[in-house]
PDB file of N, CA and C in Angstrom:
ATOM      1  N   MET A   1      13.916  16.421 -28.189  1.00  0.00           N
ATOM      2  CA  MET A   1      14.552  16.249 -27.037  1.00  0.00           C
ATOM      3  C   MET A   1      15.351  17.603 -26.431  1.00  0.00           C
ATOM      4  N   LEU A   2      15.329  17.860 -25.289  1.00  0.00           N
ATOM      5  CA  LEU A   2      16.065  18.836 -24.899  1.00  0.00           C
ATOM      6  C   LEU A   2      17.611  18.855 -24.662  1.00  0.00           C
ATOM      7  N   LEU A   3      18.029  20.055 -25.122  1.00  0.00           N
ATOM      8  CA  LEU A   3      19.758  20.158 -24.865  1.00  0.00           C
ATOM      9  C   LEU A   3      20.272  19.855 -23.557  1.00  0.00           C
ATOM     10  N   VAL A   4      21.431  19.407 -23.615  1.00  0.00           N
ATOM     11  CA  VAL A   4      22.226  18.925 -22.412  1.00  0.00           C
ATOM     12  C   VAL A   4      21.901  20.146 -21.393  1.00  0.00           C
ATOM     13  N   ASP A   5      22.267  21.573 -21.529  1.00  0.00           N
ATOM     14  CA  ASP A   5      22.147  22.493 -20.205  1.00  0.00           C
ATOM     15  C   ASP A   5      20.438  22.845 -20.194  1.00  0.00           C
ATOM     16  N   GLU A   6      19.775  22.379 -20.949  1.00  0.00           N
ATOM     17  CA  GLU A   6      18.211  22.693 -20.778  1.00  0.00           C
ATOM     18  C   GLU A   6      17.804  21.433 -19.998  1.00  0.00           C
ATOM     19  N   TYR A   7      17.880  20.305 -20.083  1.00  0.00           N
ATOM     20  CA  TYR A   7      17.938  19.135 -19.009  1.00  0.00           C
ATOM     21  C   TYR A   7      18.462  19.474 -17.852  1.00  0.00           C
ATOM     22  N   PHE A   8      19.743  20.128 -17.676  1.00  0.00           N
ATOM     23  CA  PHE A   8      20.374  20.242 -16.248  1.00  0.00           C
ATOM     24  C   PHE A   8      19.088  20.847 -15.478  1.00  0.00           C
ATOM     25  N   ARG A   9      18.838  22.210 -16.410  1.00  0.00           N
ATOM     26  CA  ARG A   9      18.292  23.478 -15.612  1.00  0.00           C
ATOM     27  C   ARG A   9      16.912  22.700 -14.970  1.00  0.00           C
ATOM     28  N   LYS A  10      16.487  21.786 -16.055  1.00  0.00           N
ATOM     29  CA  LYS A  10      14.975  21.366 -15.579  1.00  0.00           C
ATOM     30  C   LYS A  10      14.996  20.286 -14.509  1.00  0.00           C
ATOM     31  N   PHE A  11      16.395  19.327 -14.763  1.00  0.00           N
ATOM     32  CA  PHE A  11      16.620  18.714 -13.325  1.00  0.00           C
ATOM     33  C   PHE A  11      16.616  19.616 -12.260  1.00  0.00           C
ATOM     34  N   VAL A  12      17.469  20.412 -12.103  1.00  0.00           N
ATOM     35  CA  VAL A  12      17.908  21.396 -11.116  1.00  0.00           C
ATOM     36  C   VAL A  12      16.456  21.925 -10.293  1.00  0.00           C
ATOM     37  N   LEU A  13      15.271  22.175 -11.012  1.00  0.00           N
ATOM     38  CA  LEU A  13      14.081  22.374 -10.919  1.00  0.00           C
ATOM     39  C   LEU A  13      13.265  21.459 -10.227  1.00  0.00           C
ATOM     40  N   TYR A  14      13.479  20.571 -10.760  1.00  0.00           N
ATOM     41  CA  TYR A  14      12.880  18.925 -10.290  1.00  0.00           C
ATOM     42  C   TYR A  14      13.389  18.937  -8.944  1.00  0.00           C
ATOM     43  N   LEU A  15      14.663  18.738  -8.536  1.00  0.00           N
ATOM     44  CA  LEU A  15      15.045  18.464  -7.305  1.00  0.00           C
ATOM     45  C   LEU A  15      14.566  19.545  -6.541  1.00  0.00           C
ATOM     46  N   VAL A  16      14.326  20.753  -6.666  1.00  0.00           N
ATOM     47  CA  VAL A  16      14.250  21.896  -5.739  1.00  0.00           C
ATOM     48  C   VAL A  16      12.837  21.601  -5.429  1.00  0.00           C
ATOM     49  N   SER A  17      12.178  20.975  -6.519  1.00  0.00           N
ATOM     50  CA  SER A  17      10.598  21.056  -6.167  1.00  0.00           C
ATOM     51  C   SER A  17      10.232  19.556  -5.146  1.00  0.00           C
ATOM     52  N   LEU A  18      11.041  18.771  -4.949  1.00  0.00           N
ATOM     53  CA  LEU A  18      10.961  17.492  -4.122  1.00  0.00           C
ATOM     54  C   LEU A  18      11.427  17.868  -2.610  1.00  0.00           C
ATOM     55  N   PRO A  19      10.780  17.455  -1.768  1.00  0.00           N
ATOM     56  CA  PRO A  19      11.062  17.434  -0.301  1.00  0.00           C
ATOM     57  C   PRO A  19      12.100  17.306  -0.025  1.00  0.00           C
ATOM     58  N   PHE A  20      13.014  16.817  -0.657  1.00  0.00           N
ATOM     59  CA  PHE A  20      14.483  16.154  -0.340  1.00  0.00           C
ATOM     60  C   PHE A  20      15.577  17.550  -0.399  1.00  0.00           C
ATOM     61  N   PHE A  21      15.281  18.434  -0.959  1.00  0.00           N
ATOM     62  CA  PHE A  21      16.693  19.609  -1.308  1.00  0.00           C
ATOM     63  C   PHE A  21      15.661  20.580  -1.032  1.00  0.00           C
ATOM     64  N   SER A  22      16.532  21.522  -0.477  1.00  0.00           N
ATOM     65  CA  SER A  22      16.075  22.890  -0.281  1.00  0.00           C
ATOM     66  C   SER A  22      16.671  23.835  -1.249  1.00  0.00           C
ATOM     67  N   ALA A  23      16.505  24.928  -2.203  1.00  0.00           N
ATOM     68  CA  ALA A  23      17.062  25.629  -3.123  1.00  0.00           C
ATOM     69  C   ALA A  23      18.390  25.991  -2.351  1.00  0.00           C
ATOM     70  N   GLU A  24      18.374  26.061  -0.868  1.00  0.00           N
ATOM     71  CA  GLU A  24      19.597  26.841  -0.358  1.00  0.00           C
ATOM     72  C   GLU A  24      20.892  25.600  -0.524  1.00  0.00           C
ATOM     73  N   ALA A  25      20.244  24.560  -0.556  1.00  0.00           N
ATOM     74  CA  ALA A  25      21.162  23.204  -0.208  1.00  0.00           C
ATOM     75  C   ALA A  25      21.569  22.865  -1.639  1.00  0.00           C
ATOM     76  N   LEU A  26      21.038  23.045  -2.350  1.00  0.00           N
ATOM     77  CA  LEU A  26      21.125  22.774  -4.066  1.00  0.00           C
ATOM     78  C   LEU A  26      22.294  24.135  -4.241  1.00  0.00           C
ATOM     79  N   GLU A  27      21.955  25.259  -4.373  1.00  0.00           N
ATOM     80  CA  GLU A  27      22.648  26.087  -4.243  1.00  0.00           C
ATOM     81  C   GLU A  27      24.068  25.868  -3.856  1.00  0.00           C
ATOM     82  N   ALA A  28      24.231  25.775  -2.547  1.00  0.00           N
ATOM     83  CA  ALA A  28      25.222  25.834  -1.990  1.00  0.00           C
ATOM     84  C   ALA A  28      26.080  24.483  -2.414  1.00  0.00           C
ATOM     85  N   SER A  29      25.580  23.266  -2.951  1.00  0.00           N
ATOM     86  CA  SER A  29      26.028  21.827  -3.397  1.00  0.00           C
ATOM     87  C   SER A  29      26.825  22.189  -4.672  1.00  0.00           C
ATOM     88  N   LEU A  30      26.334  23.179  -5.695  1.00  0.00           N
ATOM     89  CA  LEU A  30      27.035  23.615  -7.024  1.00  0.00           C
ATOM     90  C   LEU A  30      28.102  24.604  -6.640  1.00  0.00           C
ATOM     91  N   LYS A  31      28.027  25.548  -6.066  1.00  0.00           N
ATOM     92  CA  LYS A  31      28.695  26.706  -5.553  1.00  0.00           C
ATOM     93  C   LYS A  31      30.181  26.421  -6.010  1.00  0.00           C
ATOM     94  N   GLU A  32      30.820  25.669  -5.775  1.00  0.00           N
ATOM     95  CA  GLU A  32      32.314  25.174  -6.171  1.00  0.00           C
ATOM     96  C   GLU A  32      32.547  25.253  -7.736  1.00  0.00           C
ATOM     97  N   LEU A  33      31.434  24.671  -8.404  1.00  0.00           N
ATOM     98  CA  LEU A  33      30.877  24.724  -9.797  1.00  0.00           C
ATOM     99  C   LEU A  33      30.884  25.895 -10.293  1.00  0.00           C
ATOM    100  N   GLY A  34      30.625  27.260  -9.548  1.00  0.00           N
ATOM    101  CA  GLY A  34      30.111  28.330 -10.547  1.00  0.00           C
ATOM    102  C   GLY A  34      28.467  28.395 -10.425  1.00  0.00           C
ATOM    103  N   GLY A  35      27.706  27.431  -9.393  1.00  0.00           N
ATOM    104  CA  GLY A  35      26.592  27.725 -10.027  1.00  0.00           C
ATOM    105  C   GLY A  35      25.776  27.103 -11.085  1.00  0.00           C
ATOM    106  N   VAL A  36      24.529  26.954 -11.108  1.00  0.00           N
ATOM    107  CA  VAL A  36      24.005  26.442 -12.384  1.00  0.00           C
ATOM    108  C   VAL A  36      24.836  27.099 -13.537  1.00  0.00           C
ATOM    109  N   ASP A  37      24.686  28.713 -13.367  1.00  0.00           N
ATOM    110  CA  ASP A  37      25.360  29.341 -14.842  1.00  0.00           C
ATOM    111  C   ASP A  37      26.801  29.216 -15.126  1.00  0.00           C
ATOM    112  N   GLY A  38      27.623  28.678 -14.397  1.00  0.00           N
ATOM    113  CA  GLY A  38      28.571  28.402 -14.180  1.00  0.00           C
ATOM    114  C   GLY A  38      28.702  26.906 -14.779  1.00  0.00           C
ATOM    115  N   ILE A  39      28.258  26.134 -14.439  1.00  0.00           N
ATOM    116  CA  ILE A  39      27.909  24.823 -15.186  1.00  0.00           C
ATOM    117  C   ILE A  39      27.885  24.428 -16.300  1.00  0.00           C
ATOM    118  N   VAL A  40      26.869  25.580 -16.978  1.00  0.00           N
ATOM    119  CA  VAL A  40      26.304  25.436 -18.148  1.00  0.00           C
ATOM    120  C   VAL A  40      27.113  26.222 -18.917  1.00  0.00           C
ATOM    121  N   GLU A  41      28.072  27.262 -18.790  1.00  0.00           N
ATOM    122  CA  GLU A  41      29.139  28.149 -19.289  1.00  0.00           C
ATOM    123  C   GLU A  41      30.224  26.995 -19.315  1.00  0.00           C
ATOM    124  N   HIS A  42      30.631  26.476 -18.422  1.00  0.00           N
ATOM    125  CA  HIS A  42      31.867  25.721 -18.676  1.00  0.00           C
ATOM    126  C   HIS A  42      31.530  23.639 -18.944  1.00  0.00           C
ATOM    127  N   SER A  43      30.553  23.899 -18.992  1.00  0.00           N
ATOM    128  CA  SER A  43      29.748  22.176 -19.497  1.00  0.00           C
ATOM    129  C   SER A  43      30.653  21.335 -18.358  1.00  0.00           C
ATOM    130  N   TYR A  44      30.020  21.924 -17.257  1.00  0.00           N
ATOM    131  CA  TYR A  44      30.681  20.565 -15.743  1.00  0.00           C
ATOM    132  C   TYR A  44      29.500  20.158 -15.605  1.00  0.00           C
ATOM    133  N   TYR A  45      28.500  19.173 -16.456  1.00  0.00           N
ATOM    134  CA  TYR A  45      27.342  18.693 -16.306  1.00  0.00           C
ATOM    135  C   TYR A  45      27.834  17.481 -15.608  1.00  0.00           C
ATOM    136  N   ILE A  46      29.055  16.250 -16.103  1.00  0.00           N
ATOM    137  CA  ILE A  46      28.930  15.226 -15.005  1.00  0.00           C
ATOM    138  C   ILE A  46      29.282  15.609 -13.446  1.00  0.00           C
ATOM    139  N   SER A  47      30.376  16.414 -13.432  1.00  0.00           N
ATOM    140  CA  SER A  47      30.607  16.993 -11.744  1.00  0.00           C
ATOM    141  C   SER A  47      29.339  17.545 -10.776  1.00  0.00           C
ATOM    142  N   ALA A  48      28.420  18.024 -12.065  1.00  0.00           N
ATOM    143  CA  ALA A  48      27.550  18.805 -10.981  1.00  0.00           C
ATOM    144  C   ALA A  48      26.518  17.788 -10.683  1.00  0.00           C
ATOM    145  N   TYR A  49      25.908  16.716 -11.683  1.00  0.00           N
ATOM    146  CA  TYR A  49      25.516  15.546 -11.102  1.00  0.00           C
ATOM    147  C   TYR A  49      25.907  14.739  -9.907  1.00  0.00           C
ATOM    148  N   GLU A  50      27.224  14.532  -9.947  1.00  0.00           N
ATOM    149  CA  GLU A  50      27.947  13.974  -8.978  1.00  0.00           C
ATOM    150  C   GLU A  50      27.810  14.515  -7.824  1.00  0.00           C
ATOM    151  N   PHE A  51      27.968  16.099  -7.751  1.00  0.00           N
ATOM    152  CA  PHE A  51      27.879  17.310  -6.584  1.00  0.00           C
ATOM    153  C   PHE A  51      26.483  16.761  -5.646  1.00  0.00           C
ATOM    154  N   LEU A  52      25.318  16.848  -6.831  1.00  0.00           N
ATOM    155  CA  LEU A  52      23.967  16.876  -6.403  1.00  0.00           C
ATOM    156  C   LEU A  52      23.422  15.323  -5.861  1.00  0.00           C
ATOM    157  N   GLY A  53      24.319  14.383  -6.433  1.00  0.00           N
ATOM    158  CA  GLY A  53      24.244  13.287  -5.523  1.00  0.00           C
ATOM    159  C   GLY A  53      24.794  13.186  -4.272  1.00  0.00           C
ATOM    160  N   CYS A  54      26.111  13.344  -3.775  1.00  0.00           N
ATOM    161  CA  CYS A  54      26.414  13.988  -2.882  1.00  0.00           C
ATOM    162  C   CYS A  54      25.595  14.665  -1.862  1.00  0.00           C
ATOM    163  N   ALA A  55      25.458  15.672  -2.430  1.00  0.00           N
ATOM    164  CA  ALA A  55      24.313  16.784  -1.380  1.00  0.00           C
ATOM    165  C   ALA A  55      23.067  16.114  -0.852  1.00  0.00           C
ATOM    166  N   LEU A  56      22.520  15.284  -1.933  1.00  0.00           N
ATOM    167  CA  LEU A  56      21.057  14.528  -1.336  1.00  0.00           C
ATOM    168  C   LEU A  56      21.664  13.501  -0.571  1.00  0.00           C
ATOM    169  N   VAL A  57      22.894  12.543  -0.397  1.00  0.00           N
ATOM    170  CA  VAL A  57      23.292  12.060   0.714  1.00  0.00           C
ATOM    171  C   VAL A  57      23.262  13.017   1.925  1.00  0.00           C
ATOM    172  N   GLN A  58      24.463  13.779   1.608  1.00  0.00           N
ATOM    173  CA  GLN A  58      24.206  14.577   3.003  1.00  0.00           C
ATOM    174  C   GLN A  58      23.121  15.019   3.862  1.00  0.00           C
ATOM    175  N   LYS A  59      22.195  15.539   3.202  1.00  0.00           N
ATOM    176  CA  LYS A  59      21.058  15.783   3.650  1.00  0.00           C
ATOM    177  C   LYS A  59      20.175  15.107   4.054  1.00  0.00           C
ATOM    178  N   ASN A  60      19.956  13.711   3.956  1.00  0.00           N
ATOM    179  CA  ASN A  60      18.716  12.619   4.221  1.00  0.00           C
ATOM    180  C   ASN A  60      19.185  11.713   4.250  1.00  0.00           C
ATOM    181  N   SER A  61      18.222  11.131   5.430  1.00  0.00           N
ATOM    182  CA  SER A  61      19.141   9.715   5.876  1.00  0.00           C
ATOM    183  C   SER A  61      18.711   8.393   4.701  1.00  0.00           C
ATOM    184  N   PHE A  62      19.249   7.496   5.263  1.00  0.00           N
ATOM    185  CA  PHE A  62      19.404   6.242   4.018  1.00  0.00           C
ATOM    186  C   PHE A  62      18.055   6.161   3.616  1.00  0.00           C
ATOM    187  N   GLU A  63      17.050   6.212   4.995  1.00  0.00           N
ATOM    188  CA  GLU A  63      15.536   5.666   4.639  1.00  0.00           C
ATOM    189  C   GLU A  63      15.160   6.999   3.280  1.00  0.00           C
ATOM    190  N   CYS A  64      15.343   8.185   3.292  1.00  0.00           N
ATOM    191  CA  CYS A  64      14.913   8.991   2.471  1.00  0.00           C
ATOM    192  C   CYS A  64      15.372   8.801   1.219  1.00  0.00           C
ATOM    193  N   ILE A  65      16.915   8.152   1.572  1.00  0.00           N
ATOM    194  CA  ILE A  65      17.146   8.154   0.073  1.00  0.00           C
ATOM    195  C   ILE A  65      16.674   7.081  -0.927  1.00  0.00           C
ATOM    196  N   LEU A  66      16.756   5.834  -0.171  1.00  0.00           N
ATOM    197  CA  LEU A  66      15.925   4.752  -0.655  1.00  0.00           C
ATOM    198  C   LEU A  66      14.413   5.208  -1.020  1.00  0.00           C
ATOM    199  N   GLU A  67      13.666   5.795  -0.385  1.00  0.00           N
ATOM    200  CA  GLU A  67      12.392   6.561  -0.689  1.00  0.00           C
ATOM    201  C   GLU A  67      12.748   7.198  -1.976  1.00  0.00           C
ATOM    202  N   PHE A  68      13.669   8.035  -2.080  1.00  0.00           N
ATOM    203  CA  PHE A  68      14.049   8.964  -3.068  1.00  0.00           C
ATOM    204  C   PHE A  68      13.790   7.827  -4.511  1.00  0.00           C
ATOM    205  N   LEU A  69      14.958   6.631  -4.542  1.00  0.00           N
ATOM    206  CA  LEU A  69      15.210   6.248  -5.585  1.00  0.00           C
ATOM    207  C   LEU A  69      14.037   5.182  -5.893  1.00  0.00           C
ATOM    208  N   ARG A  70      13.188   4.798  -4.935  1.00  0.00           N
ATOM    209  CA  ARG A  70      12.125   4.259  -5.251  1.00  0.00           C
ATOM    210  C   ARG A  70      11.166   4.755  -5.561  1.00  0.00           C
ATOM    211  N   SER A  71      10.788   6.111  -5.783  1.00  0.00           N
ATOM    212  CA  SER A  71       9.842   6.711  -5.878  1.00  0.00           C
ATOM    213  C   SER A  71       9.763   7.267  -7.319  1.00  0.00           C
ATOM    214  N   PHE A  72      11.088   7.818  -7.384  1.00  0.00           N
ATOM    215  CA  PHE A  72      11.612   8.480  -8.639  1.00  0.00           C
ATOM    216  C   PHE A  72      12.128   7.841  -9.884  1.00  0.00           C
ATOM    217  N   GLU A  73      11.875   6.334  -9.573  1.00  0.00           N
ATOM    218  CA  GLU A  73      12.773   5.748 -10.505  1.00  0.00           C
ATOM    219  C   GLU A  73      12.740   5.724 -12.111  1.00  0.00           C
ATOM    220  N   SER A  74      11.522   5.881 -12.403  1.00  0.00           N
ATOM    221  CA  SER A  74      11.343   6.130 -13.445  1.00  0.00           C
ATOM    222  C   SER A  74      11.560   7.714 -14.411  1.00  0.00           C
ATOM    223  N   GLU A  75      11.761   8.597 -13.342  1.00  0.00           N
ATOM    224  CA  GLU A  75      12.149   9.700 -13.789  1.00  0.00           C
ATOM    225  C   GLU A  75      13.952   9.988 -14.059  1.00  0.00           C
ATOM    226  N   LEU A  76      14.327   9.100 -12.747  1.00  0.00           N
ATOM    227  CA  LEU A  76      15.737   8.922 -13.082  1.00  0.00           C
ATOM    228  C   LEU A  76      16.571   8.040 -13.761  1.00  0.00           C
ATOM    229  N   SER A  77      15.721   7.019 -14.640  1.00  0.00           N
ATOM    230  CA  SER A  77      15.904   6.271 -15.889  1.00  0.00           C
ATOM    231  C   SER A  77      15.940   7.342 -17.122  1.00  0.00           C
ATOM    232  N   GLU A  78      15.245   8.500 -17.428  1.00  0.00           N
ATOM    233  CA  GLU A  78      14.770   9.361 -18.503  1.00  0.00           C
ATOM    234  C   GLU A  78      16.246   9.686 -19.353  1.00  0.00           C
ATOM    235  N   ASN A  79      16.932  10.002 -18.599  1.00  0.00           N
ATOM    236  CA  ASN A  79      18.384  10.491 -19.253  1.00  0.00           C
ATOM    237  C   ASN A  79      19.657   9.963 -18.609  1.00  0.00           C
ATOM    238  N   PRO A  80      19.656   8.291 -18.944  1.00  0.00           N
ATOM    239  CA  PRO A  80      20.821   7.947 -18.526  1.00  0.00           C
ATOM    240  C   PRO A  80      22.043   8.511 -18.214  1.00  0.00           C
ATOM    241  N   GLU A  81      22.011   8.941 -19.879  1.00  0.00           N
ATOM    242  CA  GLU A  81      24.011   9.331 -20.229  1.00  0.00           C
ATOM    243  C   GLU A  81      24.288  10.416 -19.195  1.00  0.00           C
ATOM    244  N   CYS A  82      23.297  11.114 -18.427  1.00  0.00           N
ATOM    245  CA  CYS A  82      23.493  12.277 -17.581  1.00  0.00           C
ATOM    246  C   CYS A  82      22.838  11.758 -16.040  1.00  0.00           C
ATOM    247  N   LEU A  83      22.021  11.168 -15.842  1.00  0.00           N
ATOM    248  CA  LEU A  83      21.490  10.979 -14.415  1.00  0.00           C
ATOM    249  C   LEU A  83      22.392   9.652 -13.739  1.00  0.00           C
ATOM    250  N   TYR A  84      22.828   8.629 -14.808  1.00  0.00           N
ATOM    251  CA  TYR A  84      23.898   7.579 -14.200  1.00  0.00           C
ATOM    252  C   TYR A  84      24.830   8.416 -13.043  1.00  0.00           C
ATOM    253  N   TYR A  85      25.158   9.309 -13.604  1.00  0.00           N
ATOM    254  CA  TYR A  85      26.358   9.785 -12.231  1.00  0.00           C
ATOM    255  C   TYR A  85      25.720  10.431 -11.419  1.00  0.00           C
ATOM    256  N   PHE A  86      24.448  11.120 -11.548  1.00  0.00           N
ATOM    257  CA  PHE A  86      23.769  11.274  -9.913  1.00  0.00           C
ATOM    258  C   PHE A  86      23.691  10.040  -9.333  1.00  0.00           C
ATOM    259  N   VAL A  87      22.938   8.953  -9.786  1.00  0.00           N
ATOM    260  CA  VAL A  87      22.849   8.039  -9.166  1.00  0.00           C
ATOM    261  C   VAL A  87      24.083   6.961  -8.410  1.00  0.00           C
ATOM    262  N   GLU A  88      24.797   7.068  -9.174  1.00  0.00           N
ATOM    263  CA  GLU A  88      26.329   6.661  -9.322  1.00  0.00           C
ATOM    264  C   GLU A  88      26.653   7.012  -7.689  1.00  0.00           C
ATOM    265  N   SER A  89      26.507   8.476  -7.823  1.00  0.00           N
ATOM    266  CA  SER A  89      27.176   9.337  -6.801  1.00  0.00           C
ATOM    267  C   SER A  89      26.386   9.242  -5.412  1.00  0.00           C
ATOM    268  N   ILE A  90      25.018   9.028  -5.622  1.00  0.00           N
ATOM    269  CA  ILE A  90      24.030   9.144  -4.570  1.00  0.00           C
ATOM    270  C   ILE A  90      24.972   7.178  -3.660  1.00  0.00           C
ATOM    271  N   VAL A  91      25.130   6.250  -4.481  1.00  0.00           N
ATOM    272  CA  VAL A  91      25.494   5.008  -4.068  1.00  0.00           C
ATOM    273  C   VAL A  91      26.716   5.211  -3.711  1.00  0.00           C
ATOM    274  N   ASP A  92      28.224   5.755  -3.768  1.00  0.00           N
ATOM    275  CA  ASP A  92      29.193   6.375  -3.605  1.00  0.00           C
ATOM    276  C   ASP A  92      29.226   6.528  -2.245  1.00  0.00           C
ATOM    277  N   HIS A  93      28.348   8.126  -2.074  1.00  0.00           N
ATOM    278  CA  HIS A  93      28.843   8.562  -0.896  1.00  0.00           C
ATOM    279  C   HIS A  93      28.103   7.986  -0.018  1.00  0.00           C
ATOM    280  N   SER A  94      26.717   6.952   0.031  1.00  0.00           N
ATOM    281  CA  SER A  94      26.074   6.543   0.917  1.00  0.00           C
ATOM    282  C   SER A  94      27.099   4.905   1.330  1.00  0.00           C
ATOM    283  N   LEU A  95      27.687   4.226   0.486  1.00  0.00           N
ATOM    284  CA  LEU A  95      28.835   3.773   0.458  1.00  0.00           C
ATOM    285  C   LEU A  95      30.254   4.035   1.769  1.00  0.00           C
ATOM    286  N   VAL A  96      30.541   5.156   1.908  1.00  0.00           N
ATOM    287  CA  VAL A  96      31.161   5.713   2.738  1.00  0.00           C
ATOM    288  C   VAL A  96      30.899   6.194   3.821  1.00  0.00           C
ATOM    289  N   ARG A  97      29.386   6.646   4.042  1.00  0.00           N
ATOM    290  CA  ARG A  97      28.558   7.179   5.058  1.00  0.00           C
ATOM    291  C   ARG A  97      28.449   5.344   6.225  1.00  0.00           C
ATOM    292  N   GLY A  98      28.589   4.569   4.548  1.00  0.00           N
ATOM    293  CA  GLY A  98      28.310   3.108   5.798  1.00  0.00           C
ATOM    294  C   GLY A  98      26.751   2.524   5.549  1.00  0.00           C
ATOM    295  N   ASP A  99      26.285   3.150   4.648  1.00  0.00           N
ATOM    296  CA  ASP A  99      24.483   2.484   4.428  1.00  0.00           C
ATOM    297  C   ASP A  99      24.688   1.169   3.488  1.00  0.00           C
ATOM    298  N   ASP A 100      23.330   0.541   3.475  1.00  0.00           N
ATOM    299  CA  ASP A 100      23.594  -0.716   2.977  1.00  0.00           C
ATOM    300  C   ASP A 100      23.553  -0.441   1.093  1.00  0.00           C
ATOM    301  N   ILE A 101      24.447  -0.573   0.360  1.00  0.00           N
ATOM    302  CA  ILE A 101      24.354  -0.180  -1.044  1.00  0.00           C
ATOM    303  C   ILE A 101      23.832  -1.172  -1.605  1.00  0.00           C
ATOM    304  N   GLU A 102      23.713  -2.384  -1.250  1.00  0.00           N
ATOM    305  CA  GLU A 102      22.889  -3.237  -2.072  1.00  0.00           C
ATOM    306  C   GLU A 102      21.513  -3.015  -1.927  1.00  0.00           C
ATOM    307  N   THR A 103      21.041  -2.669  -0.752  1.00  0.00           N
ATOM    308  CA  THR A 103      19.604  -2.303  -1.269  1.00  0.00           C
ATOM    309  C   THR A 103      19.424  -1.137  -1.862  1.00  0.00           C
ATOM    310  N   LEU A 104      20.167  -0.051  -1.989  1.00  0.00           N
ATOM    311  CA  LEU A 104      20.334   1.089  -2.686  1.00  0.00           C
ATOM    312  C   LEU A 104      20.284   0.564  -4.351  1.00  0.00           C
ATOM    313  N   ILE A 105      21.024  -0.245  -4.616  1.00  0.00           N
ATOM    314  CA  ILE A 105      21.306  -0.470  -5.900  1.00  0.00           C
ATOM    315  C   ILE A 105      20.233  -1.472  -6.200  1.00  0.00           C
ATOM    316  N   SER A 106      19.634  -2.076  -5.466  1.00  0.00           N
ATOM    317  CA  SER A 106      18.507  -2.712  -6.014  1.00  0.00           C
ATOM    318  C   SER A 106      17.444  -1.473  -6.294  1.00  0.00           C
ATOM    319  N   ALA A 107      16.898  -0.388  -5.333  1.00  0.00           N
ATOM    320  CA  ALA A 107      16.109   0.631  -5.643  1.00  0.00           C
ATOM    321  C   ALA A 107      16.696   1.280  -6.819  1.00  0.00           C
ATOM    322  N   ALA A 108      17.726   1.173  -7.635  1.00  0.00           N
ATOM    323  CA  ALA A 108      18.148   2.218  -8.335  1.00  0.00           C
ATOM    324  C   ALA A 108      17.382   1.693 -10.046  1.00  0.00           C
ATOM    325  N   PRO A 109      17.203   2.724 -11.222  1.00  0.00           N
ATOM    326  CA  PRO A 109      16.774   2.192 -12.406  1.00  0.00           C
ATOM    327  C   PRO A 109      17.269   0.955 -12.585  1.00  0.00           C
ATOM    328  N   GLU A 110      16.588   0.116 -13.107  1.00  0.00           N
ATOM    329  CA  GLU A 110      16.851  -1.319 -13.858  1.00  0.00           C
ATOM    330  C   GLU A 110      18.075  -1.130 -14.690  1.00  0.00           C
ATOM    331  N   ASN A 111      18.273   0.017 -15.599  1.00  0.00           N
ATOM    332  CA  ASN A 111      19.324  -0.133 -16.600  1.00  0.00           C
ATOM    333  C   ASN A 111      20.414   0.392 -15.566  1.00  0.00           C
ATOM    334  N   TYR A 112      20.847   1.036 -14.570  1.00  0.00           N
ATOM    335  CA  TYR A 112      21.521   1.327 -13.861  1.00  0.00           C
ATOM    336  C   TYR A 112      22.308  -0.077 -13.203  1.00  0.00           C
ATOM    337  N   LYS A 113      21.835  -1.067 -12.617  1.00  0.00           N
ATOM    338  CA  LYS A 113      21.817  -1.989 -11.936  1.00  0.00           C
ATOM    339  C   LYS A 113      22.999  -2.546 -12.070  1.00  0.00           C
ATOM    340  N   THR A 114      23.642  -3.469 -13.363  1.00  0.00           N
ATOM    341  CA  THR A 114      24.556  -3.569 -14.057  1.00  0.00           C
ATOM    342  C   THR A 114      25.556  -2.852 -13.997  1.00  0.00           C
ATOM    343  N   PHE A 115      25.846  -1.757 -13.732  1.00  0.00           N
ATOM    344  CA  PHE A 115      27.089  -1.349 -13.834  1.00  0.00           C
ATOM    345  C   PHE A 115      27.286  -0.554 -12.385  1.00  0.00           C
ATOM    346  N   LEU A 116      26.227  -0.444 -11.723  1.00  0.00           N
ATOM    347  CA  LEU A 116      26.600  -0.393 -10.144  1.00  0.00           C
ATOM    348  C   LEU A 116      27.142  -1.463  -9.453  1.00  0.00           C
ATOM    349  N   HIS A 117      26.344  -2.650  -9.850  1.00  0.00           N
ATOM    350  CA  HIS A 117      26.858  -3.777  -9.031  1.00  0.00           C
ATOM    351  C   HIS A 117      28.329  -3.950  -9.816  1.00  0.00           C
ATOM    352  N   ARG A 118      28.821  -3.884 -10.714  1.00  0.00           N
ATOM    353  CA  ARG A 118      29.884  -4.298 -11.241  1.00  0.00           C
ATOM    354  C   ARG A 118      31.009  -2.926 -10.614  1.00  0.00           C
ATOM    355  N   ARG A 119      30.373  -1.910 -10.245  1.00  0.00           N
ATOM    356  CA  ARG A 119      31.497  -0.933  -9.690  1.00  0.00           C
ATOM    357  C   ARG A 119      31.312  -0.858  -8.167  1.00  0.00           C
ATOM    358  N   PHE A 120      30.508  -1.272  -7.979  1.00  0.00           N
ATOM    359  CA  PHE A 120      29.994  -1.446  -6.151  1.00  0.00           C
ATOM    360  C   PHE A 120      30.460  -2.736  -5.499  1.00  0.00           C
ATOM    361  N   LEU A 121      29.872  -3.977  -6.028  1.00  0.00           N
ATOM    362  CA  LEU A 121      29.665  -5.033  -5.679  1.00  0.00           C
ATOM    363  C   LEU A 121      30.064  -6.542  -6.439  1.00  0.00           C
ATOM    364  N   PRO A 122      31.118  -5.825  -6.916  1.00  0.00           N
ATOM    365  CA  PRO A 122      32.040  -6.674  -7.745  1.00  0.00           C
ATOM    366  C   PRO A 122      32.387  -7.939  -7.124  1.00  0.00           C
ATOM    367  N   ARG A 123      32.360  -9.148  -7.993  1.00  0.00           N
ATOM    368  CA  ARG A 123      31.953 -10.711  -7.060  1.00  0.00           C
ATOM    369  C   ARG A 123      33.140 -11.354  -7.323  1.00  0.00           C
TER     370      ARG A 123
END
């Protein structure tokens, strides 16, 4: 199993390899936290995952975000203690933007849905 810093670096490289994020956009989204090196040095992982989720929403349409969640569901559920914050941030910033969060939550990894429903769609 990868250490938290190794997993974070791996996830950042993974995001950059996808068509949803440019390296420049990713770097800009993490600049406030000191970039990847600053995040690792200060253990700002949760904030970094939240910043990345926000940046993904800012840079992509609702349809792209939905495609991202559906296409990479298994990858997003690999490390829930870290990636839940990334997915939660995606839903949170999509809500602010006025997107259909019920549809987004339905596309999220299965093990996150209960928590996302409780957080965003309390009944």
